[in-house]
Amino acid sequence: QVQLVESGGGLVQAGGSLRLSCAASGRTFSSNGMGWLRQAPGKERELVASISWNGGSTYYADSVKGRFTISRDNAKNTVYLQMNSLKPEDTAVYYCAAGISSYVVAHKEGFLDYWGQGTQVTVSS
């Protein structure tokens, strides 16, 4: 059974930092691009960042560019999202996902249908 388990979320003040982790089990995703998406209450799920299979290419939404960094460790089947200078508008449930190809994913539809429970990030002003 394929599982993606996100962790690292929490409550943080504006300007603070969090590091999210996503551990995959049941299969390896070392050949897949990976991504982080988020969904705030009443809003559609949006793509935040993605990374190619070897970490050589990355994509960031304009809203997080310069503040968030995505990385991966294929040996651990894990992908990370370092979030700095957090803003209240970053508040959402964050999900990781495996891309349908090896490359960077630039749209939210470009992921396999494996979803974890997500991890809540709340940024207070």
Protein backbone atom coordinates (compact mmCIF):
# COMPACT_ATOMS: atom_id res chain seq x y z
CA GLN A 1 0.00 0.00 0.00
CA VAL A 2 1.42 3.33 -1.06
CA GLN A 3 1.53 5.96 1.65
CA LEU A 4 2.69 9.56 1.76
CA VAL A 5 3.03 10.82 5.31
CA GLU A 6 3.50 14.53 5.85
CA SER A 7 4.84 15.99 9.09
CA GLY A 8 6.39 19.12 10.52
CA GLY A 9 3.46 21.48 10.47
CA GLY A 10 2.41 23.60 13.41
CA LEU A 11 1.58 27.05 14.70
CA VAL A 12 4.15 29.74 14.07
CA GLN A 13 4.23 33.53 14.19
CA ALA A 14 4.57 35.56 11.05
CA GLY A 15 8.20 35.73 10.02
CA GLY A 16 8.95 32.32 11.49
CA SER A 17 10.07 29.10 9.84
CA LEU A 18 8.95 25.52 9.55
CA ARG A 19 10.36 22.48 7.80
CA LEU A 20 7.92 19.99 6.39
CA SER A 21 8.81 16.39 5.62
CA CYS A 22 7.06 13.81 3.49
CA ALA A 23 8.01 10.17 3.82
CA ALA A 24 6.85 7.74 1.18
CA SER A 25 6.36 4.04 1.72
CA GLY A 26 4.98 1.17 -0.29
CA ARG A 27 6.95 2.11 -3.39
CA THR A 28 9.87 4.25 -4.31
CA PHE A 29 9.39 7.62 -5.95
CA SER A 30 13.04 8.21 -6.75
CA SER A 31 12.19 8.36 -10.46
CA ASN A 32 9.27 10.75 -10.01
CA GLY A 33 9.14 14.46 -9.69
CA MET A 34 7.68 15.40 -6.31
CA GLY A 35 5.72 18.36 -5.13
CA TRP A 36 4.07 20.18 -2.30
CA LEU A 37 0.55 21.55 -2.59
CA ARG A 38 -1.58 23.37 -0.07
CA GLN A 39 -5.26 24.00 0.52
CA ALA A 40 -6.66 26.77 2.65
CA PRO A 41 -10.27 26.70 3.92
CA GLY A 42 -12.69 27.59 1.17
CA LYS A 43 -9.99 27.63 -1.48
CA GLU A 44 -8.82 25.26 -4.15
CA ARG A 45 -5.71 23.19 -3.72
CA GLU A 46 -2.72 25.01 -5.18
CA LEU A 47 0.74 23.93 -6.20
CA VAL A 48 3.44 25.44 -4.00
CA ALA A 49 6.66 23.84 -5.20
CA SER A 50 7.96 20.87 -7.11
CA ILE A 51 11.29 19.18 -7.75
CA SER A 52 12.59 16.88 -10.46
CA TRP A 53 13.61 13.30 -9.79
CA ASN A 54 17.26 14.16 -9.13
CA GLY A 55 16.72 17.56 -7.55
CA GLY A 56 18.26 19.33 -10.49
CA SER A 57 15.21 21.43 -11.31
CA THR A 58 12.68 23.13 -9.10
CA TYR A 59 9.49 25.12 -9.51
CA TYR A 60 7.95 27.61 -7.09
CA ALA A 61 4.69 29.45 -7.09
CA ASP A 62 5.20 33.19 -7.25
CA SER A 63 3.66 33.57 -3.81
CA VAL A 64 6.44 31.54 -2.15
CA LYS A 65 9.42 32.24 -4.39
CA GLY A 66 12.43 33.33 -2.36
CA ARG A 67 10.91 32.08 0.90
CA PHE A 68 10.38 28.34 0.42
CA THR A 69 12.88 25.69 -0.64
CA ILE A 70 12.01 22.20 -1.77
CA SER A 71 14.54 19.37 -1.54
CA ARG A 72 14.61 15.60 -1.57
CA ASP A 73 16.60 12.64 -0.32
CA ASN A 74 15.97 9.69 -2.61
CA ALA A 75 17.87 7.32 -0.33
CA LYS A 76 15.27 8.06 2.34
CA ASN A 77 12.33 8.33 -0.10
CA THR A 78 11.62 11.69 1.50
CA VAL A 79 10.91 15.18 0.25
CA TYR A 80 11.19 18.36 2.29
CA LEU A 81 9.83 21.90 2.23
CA GLN A 82 11.76 24.54 4.13
CA MET A 83 9.48 27.51 4.73
CA ASN A 84 10.98 30.80 5.89
CA SER A 85 9.51 34.27 6.40
CA LEU A 86 6.08 32.74 6.82
CA LYS A 87 3.01 34.91 6.31
CA PRO A 88 -0.57 34.50 7.55
CA GLU A 89 -1.63 33.78 3.98
CA ASP A 90 0.56 30.65 4.05
CA THR A 91 -1.91 29.11 6.48
CA ALA A 92 -3.22 25.89 4.94
CA VAL A 93 -3.03 22.13 5.01
CA TYR A 94 0.09 21.09 3.12
CA TYR A 95 0.24 17.89 1.09
CA CYS A 96 3.05 16.21 -0.77
CA ALA A 97 2.47 14.39 -4.02
CA ALA A 98 4.33 12.33 -6.59
CA GLY A 99 4.49 13.63 -10.12
CA ILE A 100 3.35 11.64 -13.12
CA SER A 101 6.79 12.06 -14.69
CA SER A 102 10.40 12.51 -13.67
CA TYR A 103 10.35 16.21 -14.32
CA VAL A 104 9.35 19.32 -12.47
CA VAL A 105 5.58 19.69 -12.26
CA ALA A 106 4.22 23.15 -12.94
CA HIS A 107 0.49 22.55 -12.53
CA LYS A 108 -1.57 20.94 -9.84
CA GLU A 109 -3.01 18.29 -12.18
CA GLY A 110 0.40 16.78 -12.84
CA PHE A 111 0.46 14.41 -9.88
CA LEU A 112 -0.39 10.78 -9.22
CA ASP A 113 -3.49 10.09 -7.18
CA TYR A 114 -1.70 9.30 -3.94
CA TRP A 115 -2.52 11.64 -1.08
CA GLY A 116 -1.62 11.67 2.57
CA GLN A 117 -3.50 13.28 5.40
CA GLY A 118 -1.56 16.49 5.07
CA THR A 119 0.00 18.62 7.77
CA GLN A 120 -1.57 21.81 9.09
CA VAL A 121 0.45 25.02 8.96
CA THR A 122 -0.97 27.98 10.82
CA VAL A 123 0.76 31.35 10.74
CA SER A 124 -0.43 33.95 13.21
CA SER A 125 -0.08 37.66 12.60
